[in-house]
Structure formats: structure tokens, C-alpha cells
Amino acid sequence: MRWPGFYKALFRLSFGRRLPKTRGQLTVDGLQGRVRIRRDAFGVPYIDAEGDVDAWFAVGFCQA
């Protein structure tokens, strides 16, 4: 059974998008160096950072 478009839109507005963004590039203020966050097929993040502070920033970013 297919839901009419109205119900799909209502469901998406109510619950939002739960899966992490896995493609593209973001620029974020607050970093001291370059950070790369890769995600595998299951959405598990892998963080490469130039420093510890940036790595912890990226962990928080992934959790948010």
C-alpha cells in the first residue's frame, strides 16, 4: 500500500530526517585545522583530524 503524498510530507515534518548526511562537504566555524569525517555503509563515523581539540569537536558534531 502506498501512502498519499500528504501523509508522507506530514510524517517527514513530524519526525525529521534521522539518518546522517553521508555525502558532500560542510564548512564549520570553530576548528583549528582540517577535519575529515567519513561514514561507512552503516553510518558509523571515522574521524581524521590534525589535532586532539579538532577531533573532539568532530565527535561532538557527529553526536549532534
PDB file of N, CA and C in Angstrom:
ATOM      1  N   MET A   1       0.843  -1.181   0.000  1.00  0.00           N
ATOM      2  CA  MET A   1       0.000   0.000   0.000  1.00  0.00           C
ATOM      3  C   MET A   1       0.883   1.237   0.000  1.00  0.00           C
ATOM      4  N   ARG A   2       0.615   2.181  -0.856  1.00  0.00           N
ATOM      5  CA  ARG A   2       1.406   3.411  -0.920  1.00  0.00           C
ATOM      6  C   ARG A   2       0.675   4.527  -0.199  1.00  0.00           C
ATOM      7  N   TRP A   3       1.426   5.283   0.584  1.00  0.00           N
ATOM      8  CA  TRP A   3       0.832   6.415   1.287  1.00  0.00           C
ATOM      9  C   TRP A   3       0.652   7.573   0.324  1.00  0.00           C
ATOM     10  N   PRO A   4      -0.442   8.306   0.420  1.00  0.00           N
ATOM     11  CA  PRO A   4      -0.565   9.525  -0.385  1.00  0.00           C
ATOM     12  C   PRO A   4       0.524  10.523   0.013  1.00  0.00           C
ATOM     13  N   GLY A   5       0.890  11.413  -0.892  1.00  0.00           N
ATOM     14  CA  GLY A   5       1.960  12.379  -0.665  1.00  0.00           C
ATOM     15  C   GLY A   5       1.767  13.227   0.584  1.00  0.00           C
ATOM     16  N   PHE A   6       0.529  13.544   0.917  1.00  0.00           N
ATOM     17  CA  PHE A   6       0.253  14.361   2.101  1.00  0.00           C
ATOM     18  C   PHE A   6       0.741  13.687   3.370  1.00  0.00           C
ATOM     19  N   TYR A   7       0.479  12.401   3.497  1.00  0.00           N
ATOM     20  CA  TYR A   7       0.872  11.686   4.707  1.00  0.00           C
ATOM     21  C   TYR A   7       2.387  11.522   4.797  1.00  0.00           C
ATOM     22  N   LYS A   8       3.037  11.331   3.665  1.00  0.00           N
ATOM     23  CA  LYS A   8       4.498  11.267   3.661  1.00  0.00           C
ATOM     24  C   LYS A   8       5.096  12.585   4.127  1.00  0.00           C
ATOM     25  N   ALA A   9       4.579  13.692   3.604  1.00  0.00           N
ATOM     26  CA  ALA A   9       5.084  15.011   3.992  1.00  0.00           C
ATOM     27  C   ALA A   9       4.827  15.268   5.476  1.00  0.00           C
ATOM     28  N   LEU A  10       3.657  14.906   5.956  1.00  0.00           N
ATOM     29  CA  LEU A  10       3.326  15.091   7.374  1.00  0.00           C
ATOM     30  C   LEU A  10       4.243  14.259   8.260  1.00  0.00           C
ATOM     31  N   PHE A  11       4.511  13.028   7.866  1.00  0.00           N
ATOM     32  CA  PHE A  11       5.412  12.155   8.622  1.00  0.00           C
ATOM     33  C   PHE A  11       6.811  12.749   8.674  1.00  0.00           C
ATOM     34  N   ARG A  12       7.319  13.232   7.537  1.00  0.00           N
ATOM     35  CA  ARG A  12       8.671  13.815   7.480  1.00  0.00           C
ATOM     36  C   ARG A  12       8.754  15.082   8.323  1.00  0.00           C
ATOM     37  N   LEU A  13       7.740  15.931   8.280  1.00  0.00           N
ATOM     38  CA  LEU A  13       7.737  17.149   9.088  1.00  0.00           C
ATOM     39  C   LEU A  13       7.676  16.823  10.574  1.00  0.00           C
ATOM     40  N   SER A  14       6.944  15.779  10.930  1.00  0.00           N
ATOM     41  CA  SER A  14       6.794  15.411  12.339  1.00  0.00           C
ATOM     42  C   SER A  14       8.070  14.812  12.916  1.00  0.00           C
ATOM     43  N   PHE A  15       8.734  13.963  12.158  1.00  0.00           N
ATOM     44  CA  PHE A  15       9.864  13.221  12.696  1.00  0.00           C
ATOM     45  C   PHE A  15      11.205  13.650  12.142  1.00  0.00           C
ATOM     46  N   GLY A  16      11.242  14.392  11.064  1.00  0.00           N
ATOM     47  CA  GLY A  16      12.501  14.856  10.508  1.00  0.00           C
ATOM     48  C   GLY A  16      13.279  13.743   9.837  1.00  0.00           C
ATOM     49  N   ARG A  17      14.494  14.083   9.458  1.00  0.00           N
ATOM     50  CA  ARG A  17      15.379  13.120   8.803  1.00  0.00           C
ATOM     51  C   ARG A  17      16.326  12.578   9.863  1.00  0.00           C
ATOM     52  N   ARG A  18      16.303  11.310  10.104  1.00  0.00           N
ATOM     53  CA  ARG A  18      17.079  10.698  11.180  1.00  0.00           C
ATOM     54  C   ARG A  18      18.440  10.185  10.751  1.00  0.00           C
ATOM     55  N   LEU A  19      18.658   9.939   9.473  1.00  0.00           N
ATOM     56  CA  LEU A  19      19.925   9.377   9.025  1.00  0.00           C
ATOM     57  C   LEU A  19      20.961  10.476   8.819  1.00  0.00           C
ATOM     58  N   PRO A  20      22.227  10.205   9.119  1.00  0.00           N
ATOM     59  CA  PRO A  20      23.261  11.230   8.949  1.00  0.00           C
ATOM     60  C   PRO A  20      23.531  11.504   7.476  1.00  0.00           C
ATOM     61  N   LYS A  21      24.007  12.707   7.214  1.00  0.00           N
ATOM     62  CA  LYS A  21      24.419  13.064   5.866  1.00  0.00           C
ATOM     63  C   LYS A  21      25.729  12.336   5.572  1.00  0.00           C
ATOM     64  N   THR A  22      25.779  11.613   4.473  1.00  0.00           N
ATOM     65  CA  THR A  22      26.960  10.798   4.190  1.00  0.00           C
ATOM     66  C   THR A  22      27.750  11.290   2.987  1.00  0.00           C
ATOM     67  N   ARG A  23      27.264  12.287   2.297  1.00  0.00           N
ATOM     68  CA  ARG A  23      27.979  12.822   1.127  1.00  0.00           C
ATOM     69  C   ARG A  23      28.013  14.342   1.194  1.00  0.00           C
ATOM     70  N   GLY A  24      29.010  14.909   0.563  1.00  0.00           N
ATOM     71  CA  GLY A  24      29.095  16.356   0.499  1.00  0.00           C
ATOM     72  C   GLY A  24      30.163  16.905   1.419  1.00  0.00           C
ATOM     73  N   GLN A  25      30.213  18.208   1.500  1.00  0.00           N
ATOM     74  CA  GLN A  25      31.226  18.890   2.301  1.00  0.00           C
ATOM     75  C   GLN A  25      30.567  20.024   3.063  1.00  0.00           C
ATOM     76  N   LEU A  26      30.932  20.188   4.322  1.00  0.00           N
ATOM     77  CA  LEU A  26      30.434  21.269   5.168  1.00  0.00           C
ATOM     78  C   LEU A  26      31.605  22.099   5.664  1.00  0.00           C
ATOM     79  N   THR A  27      31.392  23.377   5.808  1.00  0.00           N
ATOM     80  CA  THR A  27      32.377  24.252   6.423  1.00  0.00           C
ATOM     81  C   THR A  27      31.814  24.681   7.772  1.00  0.00           C
ATOM     82  N   VAL A  28      32.589  24.454   8.841  1.00  0.00           N
ATOM     83  CA  VAL A  28      32.126  24.717  10.195  1.00  0.00           C
ATOM     84  C   VAL A  28      33.116  25.655  10.887  1.00  0.00           C
ATOM     85  N   ASP A  29      32.610  26.671  11.551  1.00  0.00           N
ATOM     86  CA  ASP A  29      33.465  27.570  12.333  1.00  0.00           C
ATOM     87  C   ASP A  29      33.871  26.908  13.640  1.00  0.00           C
ATOM     88  N   GLY A  30      35.037  27.257  14.150  1.00  0.00           N
ATOM     89  CA  GLY A  30      35.482  26.750  15.436  1.00  0.00           C
ATOM     90  C   GLY A  30      36.603  25.733  15.365  1.00  0.00           C
ATOM     91  N   LEU A  31      37.019  25.359  14.174  1.00  0.00           N
ATOM     92  CA  LEU A  31      38.096  24.379  14.034  1.00  0.00           C
ATOM     93  C   LEU A  31      39.436  25.081  13.884  1.00  0.00           C
ATOM     94  N   GLN A  32      40.487  24.429  14.389  1.00  0.00           N
ATOM     95  CA  GLN A  32      41.840  24.976  14.275  1.00  0.00           C
ATOM     96  C   GLN A  32      42.575  24.407  13.065  1.00  0.00           C
ATOM     97  N   GLY A  33      42.174  23.247  12.586  1.00  0.00           N
ATOM     98  CA  GLY A  33      42.817  22.585  11.450  1.00  0.00           C
ATOM     99  C   GLY A  33      41.787  21.855  10.612  1.00  0.00           C
ATOM    100  N   ARG A  34      42.280  21.032   9.704  1.00  0.00           N
ATOM    101  CA  ARG A  34      41.383  20.267   8.831  1.00  0.00           C
ATOM    102  C   ARG A  34      40.869  19.022   9.549  1.00  0.00           C
ATOM    103  N   VAL A  35      39.605  18.723   9.311  1.00  0.00           N
ATOM    104  CA  VAL A  35      38.964  17.540   9.872  1.00  0.00           C
ATOM    105  C   VAL A  35      38.210  16.846   8.747  1.00  0.00           C
ATOM    106  N   ARG A  36      38.322  15.538   8.703  1.00  0.00           N
ATOM    107  CA  ARG A  36      37.567  14.751   7.729  1.00  0.00           C
ATOM    108  C   ARG A  36      36.763  13.701   8.482  1.00  0.00           C
ATOM    109  N   ILE A  37      35.475  13.666   8.214  1.00  0.00           N
ATOM    110  CA  ILE A  37      34.589  12.669   8.811  1.00  0.00           C
ATOM    111  C   ILE A  37      34.069  11.797   7.672  1.00  0.00           C
ATOM    112  N   ARG A  38      34.421  10.534   7.707  1.00  0.00           N
ATOM    113  CA  ARG A  38      33.934   9.566   6.731  1.00  0.00           C
ATOM    114  C   ARG A  38      32.931   8.674   7.428  1.00  0.00           C
ATOM    115  N   ARG A  39      31.957   8.185   6.697  1.00  0.00           N
ATOM    116  CA  ARG A  39      30.989   7.248   7.258  1.00  0.00           C
ATOM    117  C   ARG A  39      30.952   6.005   6.383  1.00  0.00           C
ATOM    118  N   ASP A  40      30.858   4.851   7.038  1.00  0.00           N
ATOM    119  CA  ASP A  40      30.767   3.612   6.274  1.00  0.00           C
ATOM    120  C   ASP A  40      29.312   3.376   5.849  1.00  0.00           C
ATOM    121  N   ALA A  41      29.052   2.228   5.284  1.00  0.00           N
ATOM    122  CA  ALA A  41      27.715   1.915   4.766  1.00  0.00           C
ATOM    123  C   ALA A  41      26.647   1.888   5.859  1.00  0.00           C
ATOM    124  N   PHE A  42      27.071   1.709   7.117  1.00  0.00           N
ATOM    125  CA  PHE A  42      26.125   1.669   8.228  1.00  0.00           C
ATOM    126  C   PHE A  42      25.989   3.010   8.935  1.00  0.00           C
ATOM    127  N   GLY A  43      26.707   4.039   8.462  1.00  0.00           N
ATOM    128  CA  GLY A  43      26.629   5.361   9.068  1.00  0.00           C
ATOM    129  C   GLY A  43      27.592   5.576  10.215  1.00  0.00           C
ATOM    130  N   VAL A  44      28.512   4.637  10.460  1.00  0.00           N
ATOM    131  CA  VAL A  44      29.482   4.766  11.540  1.00  0.00           C
ATOM    132  C   VAL A  44      30.557   5.783  11.131  1.00  0.00           C
ATOM    133  N   PRO A  45      30.790   6.815  11.955  1.00  0.00           N
ATOM    134  CA  PRO A  45      31.763   7.841  11.561  1.00  0.00           C
ATOM    135  C   PRO A  45      33.204   7.430  11.865  1.00  0.00           C
ATOM    136  N   TYR A  46      34.112   7.860  10.983  1.00  0.00           N
ATOM    137  CA  TYR A  46      35.559   7.712  11.165  1.00  0.00           C
ATOM    138  C   TYR A  46      36.138   9.105  11.033  1.00  0.00           C
ATOM    139  N   ILE A  47      36.855   9.558  12.056  1.00  0.00           N
ATOM    140  CA  ILE A  47      37.316  10.942  12.124  1.00  0.00           C
ATOM    141  C   ILE A  47      38.818  11.008  11.938  1.00  0.00           C
ATOM    142  N   ASP A  48      39.253  11.857  11.007  1.00  0.00           N
ATOM    143  CA  ASP A  48      40.669  12.176  10.808  1.00  0.00           C
ATOM    144  C   ASP A  48      40.821  13.663  11.083  1.00  0.00           C
ATOM    145  N   ALA A  49      41.635  14.018  12.086  1.00  0.00           N
ATOM    146  CA  ALA A  49      41.807  15.425  12.455  1.00  0.00           C
ATOM    147  C   ALA A  49      43.279  15.711  12.690  1.00  0.00           C
ATOM    148  N   GLU A  50      43.651  16.987  12.517  1.00  0.00           N
ATOM    149  CA  GLU A  50      45.043  17.399  12.709  1.00  0.00           C
ATOM    150  C   GLU A  50      45.415  17.525  14.188  1.00  0.00           C
ATOM    151  N   GLY A  51      44.436  17.699  15.053  1.00  0.00           N
ATOM    152  CA  GLY A  51      44.730  17.846  16.481  1.00  0.00           C
ATOM    153  C   GLY A  51      43.641  17.232  17.340  1.00  0.00           C
ATOM    154  N   ASP A  52      43.962  17.065  18.621  1.00  0.00           N
ATOM    155  CA  ASP A  52      43.013  16.456  19.551  1.00  0.00           C
ATOM    156  C   ASP A  52      41.761  17.303  19.741  1.00  0.00           C
ATOM    157  N   VAL A  53      41.941  18.618  19.843  1.00  0.00           N
ATOM    158  CA  VAL A  53      40.792  19.501  20.063  1.00  0.00           C
ATOM    159  C   VAL A  53      39.816  19.400  18.891  1.00  0.00           C
ATOM    160  N   ASP A  54      40.359  19.391  17.680  1.00  0.00           N
ATOM    161  CA  ASP A  54      39.508  19.265  16.497  1.00  0.00           C
ATOM    162  C   ASP A  54      38.840  17.895  16.434  1.00  0.00           C
ATOM    163  N   ALA A  55      39.528  16.854  16.854  1.00  0.00           N
ATOM    164  CA  ALA A  55      38.942  15.514  16.864  1.00  0.00           C
ATOM    165  C   ALA A  55      37.758  15.456  17.828  1.00  0.00           C
ATOM    166  N   TRP A  56      37.917  16.039  19.014  1.00  0.00           N
ATOM    167  CA  TRP A  56      36.805  16.047  19.966  1.00  0.00           C
ATOM    168  C   TRP A  56      35.655  16.916  19.477  1.00  0.00           C
ATOM    169  N   PHE A  57      35.966  18.007  18.797  1.00  0.00           N
ATOM    170  CA  PHE A  57      34.929  18.837  18.185  1.00  0.00           C
ATOM    171  C   PHE A  57      34.132  18.007  17.180  1.00  0.00           C
ATOM    172  N   ALA A  58      34.829  17.212  16.367  1.00  0.00           N
ATOM    173  CA  ALA A  58      34.180  16.386  15.358  1.00  0.00           C
ATOM    174  C   ALA A  58      33.313  15.295  16.002  1.00  0.00           C
ATOM    175  N   VAL A  59      33.760  14.734  17.110  1.00  0.00           N
ATOM    176  CA  VAL A  59      32.937  13.737  17.823  1.00  0.00           C
ATOM    177  C   VAL A  59      31.625  14.374  18.265  1.00  0.00           C
ATOM    178  N   GLY A  60      31.712  15.559  18.837  1.00  0.00           N
ATOM    179  CA  GLY A  60      30.508  16.269  19.245  1.00  0.00           C
ATOM    180  C   GLY A  60      29.610  16.615  18.071  1.00  0.00           C
ATOM    181  N   PHE A  61      30.230  17.005  16.955  1.00  0.00           N
ATOM    182  CA  PHE A  61      29.478  17.327  15.750  1.00  0.00           C
ATOM    183  C   PHE A  61      28.723  16.101  15.252  1.00  0.00           C
ATOM    184  N   CYS A  62      29.368  14.948  15.271  1.00  0.00           N
ATOM    185  CA  CYS A  62      28.711  13.703  14.836  1.00  0.00           C
ATOM    186  C   CYS A  62      27.548  13.350  15.755  1.00  0.00           C
ATOM    187  N   GLN A  63      27.730  13.558  17.041  1.00  0.00           N
ATOM    188  CA  GLN A  63      26.662  13.233  18.002  1.00  0.00           C
ATOM    189  C   GLN A  63      25.468  14.177  17.858  1.00  0.00           C
ATOM    190  N   ALA A  64      25.761  15.417  17.515  1.00  0.00           N
ATOM    191  CA  ALA A  64      24.674  16.398  17.382  1.00  0.00           C
ATOM    192  C   ALA A  64      23.853  16.067  16.158  1.00  0.00           C
TER     193      ALA A  64
END
